[in-house]
């Protein structure tokens, strides 16, 4: 699927990624601000402190979808395909 992938200030590129099972998505004010003024939350030049990712990121975090599969390291015990 094609996604808007944020690389840097004023640099959003349309890129191809695997298709997730997303039902709805939105772009918030923070996304728009980071696009035009640079990153506030997502570090682009150094590793992200939680997951170590550095560089481009797919916009963004307002989405809902369907659980397609549950990985072996998921420990909540409540997530199952179809949720």
PDB file of N, CA and C in Angstrom:
ATOM      1  N   UNK A   1       0.839  -1.165   0.000  1.00  0.00           N
ATOM      2  CA  UNK A   1       0.000   0.000   0.000  1.00  0.00           C
ATOM      3  C   UNK A   1       0.883   1.226   0.000  1.00  0.00           C
ATOM      4  N   UNK A   2       0.383   2.328  -0.447  1.00  0.00           N
ATOM      5  CA  UNK A   2       1.133   3.573  -0.440  1.00  0.00           C
ATOM      6  C   UNK A   2       0.863   4.309   0.866  1.00  0.00           C
ATOM      7  N   UNK A   3       1.943   4.841   1.467  1.00  0.00           N
ATOM      8  CA  UNK A   3       1.830   5.576   2.725  1.00  0.00           C
ATOM      9  C   UNK A   3       2.564   6.904   2.602  1.00  0.00           C
ATOM     10  N   UNK A   4       2.158   7.880   3.422  1.00  0.00           N
ATOM     11  CA  UNK A   4       2.893   9.137   3.547  1.00  0.00           C
ATOM     12  C   UNK A   4       3.971   8.904   4.594  1.00  0.00           C
ATOM     13  N   UNK A   5       5.224   8.862   4.174  1.00  0.00           N
ATOM     14  CA  UNK A   5       6.338   8.543   5.067  1.00  0.00           C
ATOM     15  C   UNK A   5       7.148   9.813   5.332  1.00  0.00           C
ATOM     16  N   UNK A   6       7.179  10.233   6.604  1.00  0.00           N
ATOM     17  CA  UNK A   6       7.852  11.460   7.023  1.00  0.00           C
ATOM     18  C   UNK A   6       9.347  11.216   7.122  1.00  0.00           C
ATOM     19  N   UNK A   7      10.150  11.962   6.361  1.00  0.00           N
ATOM     20  CA  UNK A   7      11.607  11.830   6.377  1.00  0.00           C
ATOM     21  C   UNK A   7      12.281  12.980   7.110  1.00  0.00           C
ATOM     22  N   UNK A   8      11.764  14.217   6.966  1.00  0.00           N
ATOM     23  CA  UNK A   8      12.383  15.387   7.584  1.00  0.00           C
ATOM     24  C   UNK A   8      11.443  16.576   7.401  1.00  0.00           C
ATOM     25  N   UNK A   9      11.849  17.748   7.877  1.00  0.00           N
ATOM     26  CA  UNK A   9      11.056  18.958   7.720  1.00  0.00           C
ATOM     27  C   UNK A   9      10.713  19.161   6.246  1.00  0.00           C
ATOM     28  N   UNK A  10       9.437  19.360   5.960  1.00  0.00           N
ATOM     29  CA  UNK A  10       8.944  19.552   4.595  1.00  0.00           C
ATOM     30  C   UNK A  10       9.318  18.413   3.648  1.00  0.00           C
ATOM     31  N   UNK A  11       9.483  17.232   4.178  1.00  0.00           N
ATOM     32  CA  UNK A  11       9.876  16.080   3.351  1.00  0.00           C
ATOM     33  C   UNK A  11       9.018  14.866   3.701  1.00  0.00           C
ATOM     34  N   UNK A  12       7.848  14.784   3.076  1.00  0.00           N
ATOM     35  CA  UNK A  12       6.972  13.622   3.206  1.00  0.00           C
ATOM     36  C   UNK A  12       6.928  12.962   1.841  1.00  0.00           C
ATOM     37  N   UNK A  13       7.241  11.665   1.798  1.00  0.00           N
ATOM     38  CA  UNK A  13       7.291  10.939   0.533  1.00  0.00           C
ATOM     39  C   UNK A  13       6.256   9.819   0.530  1.00  0.00           C
ATOM     40  N   UNK A  14       5.689   9.574  -0.609  1.00  0.00           N
ATOM     41  CA  UNK A  14       4.761   8.460  -0.762  1.00  0.00           C
ATOM     42  C   UNK A  14       5.601   7.216  -1.033  1.00  0.00           C
ATOM     43  N   UNK A  15       5.452   6.193  -0.172  1.00  0.00           N
ATOM     44  CA  UNK A  15       6.241   4.969  -0.279  1.00  0.00           C
ATOM     45  C   UNK A  15       5.332   3.749  -0.221  1.00  0.00           C
ATOM     46  N   UNK A  16       5.826   2.638  -0.702  1.00  0.00           N
ATOM     47  CA  UNK A  16       5.096   1.372  -0.715  1.00  0.00           C
ATOM     48  C   UNK A  16       5.444   0.566   0.536  1.00  0.00           C
ATOM     49  N   UNK A  17       4.438   0.027   1.241  1.00  0.00           N
ATOM     50  CA  UNK A  17       4.651  -0.822   2.419  1.00  0.00           C
ATOM     51  C   UNK A  17       3.680  -1.999   2.372  1.00  0.00           C
ATOM     52  N   UNK A  18       3.900  -3.031   3.203  1.00  0.00           N
ATOM     53  CA  UNK A  18       2.929  -4.129   3.283  1.00  0.00           C
ATOM     54  C   UNK A  18       1.563  -3.598   3.734  1.00  0.00           C
ATOM     55  N   UNK A  19       0.517  -4.259   3.319  1.00  0.00           N
ATOM     56  CA  UNK A  19      -0.841  -3.805   3.623  1.00  0.00           C
ATOM     57  C   UNK A  19      -1.271  -4.267   5.011  1.00  0.00           C
ATOM     58  N   UNK A  20      -1.526  -3.312   5.937  1.00  0.00           N
ATOM     59  CA  UNK A  20      -2.083  -3.675   7.241  1.00  0.00           C
ATOM     60  C   UNK A  20      -3.607  -3.735   7.131  1.00  0.00           C
ATOM     61  N   UNK A  21      -4.252  -4.201   8.168  1.00  0.00           N
ATOM     62  CA  UNK A  21      -5.711  -4.241   8.173  1.00  0.00           C
ATOM     63  C   UNK A  21      -6.230  -3.038   8.957  1.00  0.00           C
ATOM     64  N   UNK A  22      -6.097  -1.858   8.366  1.00  0.00           N
ATOM     65  CA  UNK A  22      -6.512  -0.602   8.999  1.00  0.00           C
ATOM     66  C   UNK A  22      -7.895  -0.233   8.486  1.00  0.00           C
ATOM     67  N   UNK A  23      -8.746   0.211   9.388  1.00  0.00           N
ATOM     68  CA  UNK A  23     -10.099   0.612   9.006  1.00  0.00           C
ATOM     69  C   UNK A  23     -10.223   2.120   8.824  1.00  0.00           C
ATOM     70  N   UNK A  24      -9.614   2.910   9.715  1.00  0.00           N
ATOM     71  CA  UNK A  24      -9.681   4.366   9.657  1.00  0.00           C
ATOM     72  C   UNK A  24      -8.345   4.947  10.086  1.00  0.00           C
ATOM     73  N   UNK A  25      -8.004   6.135   9.572  1.00  0.00           N
ATOM     74  CA  UNK A  25      -6.770   6.816   9.961  1.00  0.00           C
ATOM     75  C   UNK A  25      -6.995   8.321   9.881  1.00  0.00           C
ATOM     76  N   UNK A  26      -6.254   9.051  10.697  1.00  0.00           N
ATOM     77  CA  UNK A  26      -6.336  10.502  10.675  1.00  0.00           C
ATOM     78  C   UNK A  26      -4.963  11.119  10.848  1.00  0.00           C
ATOM     79  N   UNK A  27      -4.822  12.345  10.421  1.00  0.00           N
ATOM     80  CA  UNK A  27      -3.591  13.096  10.638  1.00  0.00           C
ATOM     81  C   UNK A  27      -3.939  14.240  11.575  1.00  0.00           C
ATOM     82  N   UNK A  28      -3.172  14.369  12.649  1.00  0.00           N
ATOM     83  CA  UNK A  28      -3.478  15.360  13.678  1.00  0.00           C
ATOM     84  C   UNK A  28      -2.682  16.644  13.470  1.00  0.00           C
ATOM     85  N   UNK A  29      -2.943  17.605  14.323  1.00  0.00           N
ATOM     86  CA  UNK A  29      -2.256  18.893  14.258  1.00  0.00           C
ATOM     87  C   UNK A  29      -0.747  18.737  14.450  1.00  0.00           C
ATOM     88  N   UNK A  30      -0.328  17.816  15.322  1.00  0.00           N
ATOM     89  CA  UNK A  30       1.102  17.590  15.533  1.00  0.00           C
ATOM     90  C   UNK A  30       1.764  17.126  14.241  1.00  0.00           C
ATOM     91  N   UNK A  31       1.118  16.229  13.496  1.00  0.00           N
ATOM     92  CA  UNK A  31       1.659  15.775  12.211  1.00  0.00           C
ATOM     93  C   UNK A  31       1.876  16.967  11.278  1.00  0.00           C
ATOM     94  N   UNK A  32       0.867  17.822  11.169  1.00  0.00           N
ATOM     95  CA  UNK A  32       0.955  18.981  10.280  1.00  0.00           C
ATOM     96  C   UNK A  32       2.070  19.924  10.729  1.00  0.00           C
ATOM     97  N   UNK A  33       2.203  20.131  12.033  1.00  0.00           N
ATOM     98  CA  UNK A  33       3.258  21.006  12.558  1.00  0.00           C
ATOM     99  C   UNK A  33       4.639  20.416  12.288  1.00  0.00           C
ATOM    100  N   UNK A  34       4.810  19.117  12.524  1.00  0.00           N
ATOM    101  CA  UNK A  34       6.108  18.494  12.275  1.00  0.00           C
ATOM    102  C   UNK A  34       6.458  18.532  10.788  1.00  0.00           C
ATOM    103  N   UNK A  35       5.471  18.425   9.934  1.00  0.00           N
ATOM    104  CA  UNK A  35       5.722  18.502   8.493  1.00  0.00           C
ATOM    105  C   UNK A  35       6.303  19.863   8.116  1.00  0.00           C
ATOM    106  N   UNK A  36       5.710  20.933   8.641  1.00  0.00           N
ATOM    107  CA  UNK A  36       6.124  22.268   8.214  1.00  0.00           C
ATOM    108  C   UNK A  36       7.230  22.893   9.062  1.00  0.00           C
ATOM    109  N   UNK A  37       7.415  22.421  10.319  1.00  0.00           N
ATOM    110  CA  UNK A  37       8.384  23.069  11.212  1.00  0.00           C
ATOM    111  C   UNK A  37       9.472  22.137  11.728  1.00  0.00           C
ATOM    112  N   UNK A  38       9.423  20.886  11.368  1.00  0.00           N
ATOM    113  CA  UNK A  38      10.417  19.936  11.869  1.00  0.00           C
ATOM    114  C   UNK A  38       9.868  19.107  13.010  1.00  0.00           C
ATOM    115  N   UNK A  39      10.580  18.057  13.331  1.00  0.00           N
ATOM    116  CA  UNK A  39      10.083  17.096  14.307  1.00  0.00           C
ATOM    117  C   UNK A  39      10.124  17.625  15.727  1.00  0.00           C
ATOM    118  N   UNK A  40       9.084  17.284  16.468  1.00  0.00           N
ATOM    119  CA  UNK A  40       9.003  17.570  17.896  1.00  0.00           C
ATOM    120  C   UNK A  40       9.111  16.270  18.684  1.00  0.00           C
ATOM    121  N   UNK A  41       8.515  15.229  18.160  1.00  0.00           N
ATOM    122  CA  UNK A  41       8.380  13.966  18.877  1.00  0.00           C
ATOM    123  C   UNK A  41       9.235  12.865  18.260  1.00  0.00           C
ATOM    124  N   UNK A  42       9.256  12.768  16.945  1.00  0.00           N
ATOM    125  CA  UNK A  42       9.955  11.679  16.263  1.00  0.00           C
ATOM    126  C   UNK A  42      11.369  12.121  15.901  1.00  0.00           C
ATOM    127  N   UNK A  43      12.403  11.552  16.551  1.00  0.00           N
ATOM    128  CA  UNK A  43      13.771  11.929  16.181  1.00  0.00           C
ATOM    129  C   UNK A  43      14.115  11.371  14.804  1.00  0.00           C
ATOM    130  N   UNK A  44      14.709  12.194  13.965  1.00  0.00           N
ATOM    131  CA  UNK A  44      15.037  11.772  12.609  1.00  0.00           C
ATOM    132  C   UNK A  44      16.529  11.492  12.432  1.00  0.00           C
ATOM    133  N   UNK A  45      17.365  12.148  13.220  1.00  0.00           N
ATOM    134  CA  UNK A  45      18.810  12.062  13.015  1.00  0.00           C
ATOM    135  C   UNK A  45      19.507  11.156  14.031  1.00  0.00           C
ATOM    136  N   UNK A  46      18.796  10.773  15.107  1.00  0.00           N
ATOM    137  CA  UNK A  46      19.363   9.865  16.103  1.00  0.00           C
ATOM    138  C   UNK A  46      18.341   8.772  16.413  1.00  0.00           C
ATOM    139  N   UNK A  47      18.768   7.643  16.969  1.00  0.00           N
ATOM    140  CA  UNK A  47      17.839   6.542  17.246  1.00  0.00           C
ATOM    141  C   UNK A  47      16.715   6.950  18.202  1.00  0.00           C
ATOM    142  N   UNK A  48      15.522   6.483  17.919  1.00  0.00           N
ATOM    143  CA  UNK A  48      14.369   6.708  18.790  1.00  0.00           C
ATOM    144  C   UNK A  48      14.640   5.974  20.098  1.00  0.00           C
ATOM    145  N   UNK A  49      14.439   6.615  21.266  1.00  0.00           N
ATOM    146  CA  UNK A  49      14.827   6.001  22.540  1.00  0.00           C
ATOM    147  C   UNK A  49      14.108   4.703  22.898  1.00  0.00           C
ATOM    148  N   UNK A  50      12.890   4.502  22.418  1.00  0.00           N
ATOM    149  CA  UNK A  50      12.144   3.304  22.796  1.00  0.00           C
ATOM    150  C   UNK A  50      12.483   2.117  21.902  1.00  0.00           C
ATOM    151  N   UNK A  51      12.486   2.329  20.570  1.00  0.00           N
ATOM    152  CA  UNK A  51      12.677   1.184  19.670  1.00  0.00           C
ATOM    153  C   UNK A  51      13.952   1.239  18.833  1.00  0.00           C
ATOM    154  N   UNK A  52      14.743   2.301  18.963  1.00  0.00           N
ATOM    155  CA  UNK A  52      16.007   2.397  18.251  1.00  0.00           C
ATOM    156  C   UNK A  52      15.904   2.804  16.792  1.00  0.00           C
ATOM    157  N   UNK A  53      14.672   3.015  16.289  1.00  0.00           N
ATOM    158  CA  UNK A  53      14.490   3.393  14.885  1.00  0.00           C
ATOM    159  C   UNK A  53      15.079   4.779  14.637  1.00  0.00           C
ATOM    160  N   UNK A  54      15.727   4.937  13.510  1.00  0.00           N
ATOM    161  CA  UNK A  54      16.286   6.230  13.122  1.00  0.00           C
ATOM    162  C   UNK A  54      15.887   6.502  11.676  1.00  0.00           C
ATOM    163  N   UNK A  55      15.302   7.654  11.428  1.00  0.00           N
ATOM    164  CA  UNK A  55      14.962   8.024  10.062  1.00  0.00           C
ATOM    165  C   UNK A  55      13.476   8.109   9.820  1.00  0.00           C
ATOM    166  N   UNK A  56      13.092   7.841   8.595  1.00  0.00           N
ATOM    167  CA  UNK A  56      11.717   8.038   8.146  1.00  0.00           C
ATOM    168  C   UNK A  56      10.717   7.249   8.981  1.00  0.00           C
ATOM    169  N   UNK A  57       9.537   7.821   9.128  1.00  0.00           N
ATOM    170  CA  UNK A  57       8.456   7.156   9.851  1.00  0.00           C
ATOM    171  C   UNK A  57       7.145   7.371   9.104  1.00  0.00           C
ATOM    172  N   UNK A  58       6.253   6.429   9.192  1.00  0.00           N
ATOM    173  CA  UNK A  58       4.948   6.548   8.542  1.00  0.00           C
ATOM    174  C   UNK A  58       4.049   7.389   9.427  1.00  0.00           C
ATOM    175  N   UNK A  59       3.383   8.365   8.827  1.00  0.00           N
ATOM    176  CA  UNK A  59       2.461   9.204   9.574  1.00  0.00           C
ATOM    177  C   UNK A  59       1.170   8.418   9.758  1.00  0.00           C
ATOM    178  N   UNK A  60       0.675   8.191  10.834  1.00  0.00           N
ATOM    179  CA  UNK A  60       0.855   8.509  12.175  1.00  0.00           C
ATOM    180  C   UNK A  60       0.142   7.591  13.127  1.00  0.00           C
ATOM    181  N   UNK A  61      -0.491   8.116  14.135  1.00  0.00           N
ATOM    182  CA  UNK A  61      -0.924   7.295  15.255  1.00  0.00           C
ATOM    183  C   UNK A  61      -2.429   7.262  15.467  1.00  0.00           C
ATOM    184  N   UNK A  62      -3.201   8.003  14.724  1.00  0.00           N
ATOM    185  CA  UNK A  62      -4.655   7.953  14.866  1.00  0.00           C
ATOM    186  C   UNK A  62      -5.223   6.951  13.865  1.00  0.00           C
ATOM    187  N   UNK A  63      -5.311   5.702  14.295  1.00  0.00           N
ATOM    188  CA  UNK A  63      -5.834   4.685  13.381  1.00  0.00           C
ATOM    189  C   UNK A  63      -6.550   3.599  14.171  1.00  0.00           C
ATOM    190  N   UNK A  64      -7.357   2.854  13.469  1.00  0.00           N
ATOM    191  CA  UNK A  64      -7.980   1.669  14.057  1.00  0.00           C
ATOM    192  C   UNK A  64      -7.963   0.585  12.991  1.00  0.00           C
ATOM    193  N   UNK A  65      -7.983  -0.645  13.428  1.00  0.00           N
ATOM    194  CA  UNK A  65      -7.918  -1.738  12.478  1.00  0.00           C
ATOM    195  C   UNK A  65      -8.349  -3.049  13.086  1.00  0.00           C
ATOM    196  N   UNK A  66      -7.952  -4.122  12.443  1.00  0.00           N
ATOM    197  CA  UNK A  66      -8.306  -5.474  12.862  1.00  0.00           C
ATOM    198  C   UNK A  66      -7.023  -6.246  13.121  1.00  0.00           C
ATOM    199  N   UNK A  67      -6.976  -7.008  14.212  1.00  0.00           N
ATOM    200  CA  UNK A  67      -5.831  -7.870  14.494  1.00  0.00           C
ATOM    201  C   UNK A  67      -5.857  -9.012  13.490  1.00  0.00           C
ATOM    202  N   UNK A  68      -4.797  -9.118  12.685  1.00  0.00           N
ATOM    203  CA  UNK A  68      -4.713 -10.165  11.670  1.00  0.00           C
ATOM    204  C   UNK A  68      -4.027 -11.393  12.249  1.00  0.00           C
ATOM    205  N   UNK A  69      -2.964 -11.164  13.016  1.00  0.00           N
ATOM    206  CA  UNK A  69      -2.275 -12.257  13.697  1.00  0.00           C
ATOM    207  C   UNK A  69      -1.614 -11.701  14.950  1.00  0.00           C
ATOM    208  N   UNK A  70      -1.279 -12.580  15.879  1.00  0.00           N
ATOM    209  CA  UNK A  70      -0.651 -12.188  17.141  1.00  0.00           C
ATOM    210  C   UNK A  70       0.715 -12.854  17.205  1.00  0.00           C
ATOM    211  N   UNK A  71       1.761 -12.043  17.360  1.00  0.00           N
ATOM    212  CA  UNK A  71       3.120 -12.573  17.416  1.00  0.00           C
ATOM    213  C   UNK A  71       3.386 -13.336  18.700  1.00  0.00           C
ATOM    214  N   UNK A  72       4.399 -14.181  18.669  1.00  0.00           N
ATOM    215  CA  UNK A  72       4.719 -15.030  19.821  1.00  0.00           C
ATOM    216  C   UNK A  72       5.183 -14.229  21.028  1.00  0.00           C
ATOM    217  N   UNK A  73       5.662 -13.001  20.837  1.00  0.00           N
ATOM    218  CA  UNK A  73       6.143 -12.195  21.957  1.00  0.00           C
ATOM    219  C   UNK A  73       5.079 -11.267  22.537  1.00  0.00           C
ATOM    220  N   UNK A  74       3.853 -11.342  22.046  1.00  0.00           N
ATOM    221  CA  UNK A  74       2.764 -10.538  22.606  1.00  0.00           C
ATOM    222  C   UNK A  74       2.342 -11.178  23.910  1.00  0.00           C
ATOM    223  N   UNK A  75       2.402 -10.400  24.992  1.00  0.00           N
ATOM    224  CA  UNK A  75       2.175 -11.004  26.309  1.00  0.00           C
ATOM    225  C   UNK A  75       0.873 -10.565  26.971  1.00  0.00           C
ATOM    226  N   UNK A  76       0.020  -9.785  26.285  1.00  0.00           N
ATOM    227  CA  UNK A  76      -1.207  -9.336  26.936  1.00  0.00           C
ATOM    228  C   UNK A  76      -2.177 -10.489  27.159  1.00  0.00           C
ATOM    229  N   UNK A  77      -2.163 -11.477  26.267  1.00  0.00           N
ATOM    230  CA  UNK A  77      -3.070 -12.608  26.397  1.00  0.00           C
ATOM    231  C   UNK A  77      -4.489 -12.306  25.972  1.00  0.00           C
ATOM    232  N   UNK A  78      -4.792 -11.035  25.708  1.00  0.00           N
ATOM    233  CA  UNK A  78      -6.153 -10.648  25.349  1.00  0.00           C
ATOM    234  C   UNK A  78      -6.341 -10.426  23.858  1.00  0.00           C
ATOM    235  N   UNK A  79      -5.263 -10.254  23.126  1.00  0.00           N
ATOM    236  CA  UNK A  79      -5.364  -9.966  21.699  1.00  0.00           C
ATOM    237  C   UNK A  79      -5.483 -11.254  20.898  1.00  0.00           C
ATOM    238  N   UNK A  80      -6.443 -11.252  19.956  1.00  0.00           N
ATOM    239  CA  UNK A  80      -6.619 -12.434  19.116  1.00  0.00           C
ATOM    240  C   UNK A  80      -7.057 -11.992  17.726  1.00  0.00           C
ATOM    241  N   UNK A  81      -6.756 -12.791  16.708  1.00  0.00           N
ATOM    242  CA  UNK A  81      -7.178 -12.435  15.358  1.00  0.00           C
ATOM    243  C   UNK A  81      -8.678 -12.151  15.302  1.00  0.00           C
ATOM    244  N   UNK A  82      -9.005 -11.099  14.578  1.00  0.00           N
ATOM    245  CA  UNK A  82     -10.399 -10.692  14.446  1.00  0.00           C
ATOM    246  C   UNK A  82     -10.780  -9.547  15.363  1.00  0.00           C
ATOM    247  N   UNK A  83      -9.990  -9.331  16.435  1.00  0.00           N
ATOM    248  CA  UNK A  83     -10.282  -8.202  17.341  1.00  0.00           C
ATOM    249  C   UNK A  83     -10.104  -6.890  16.600  1.00  0.00           C
TER     250      UNK A  83
END
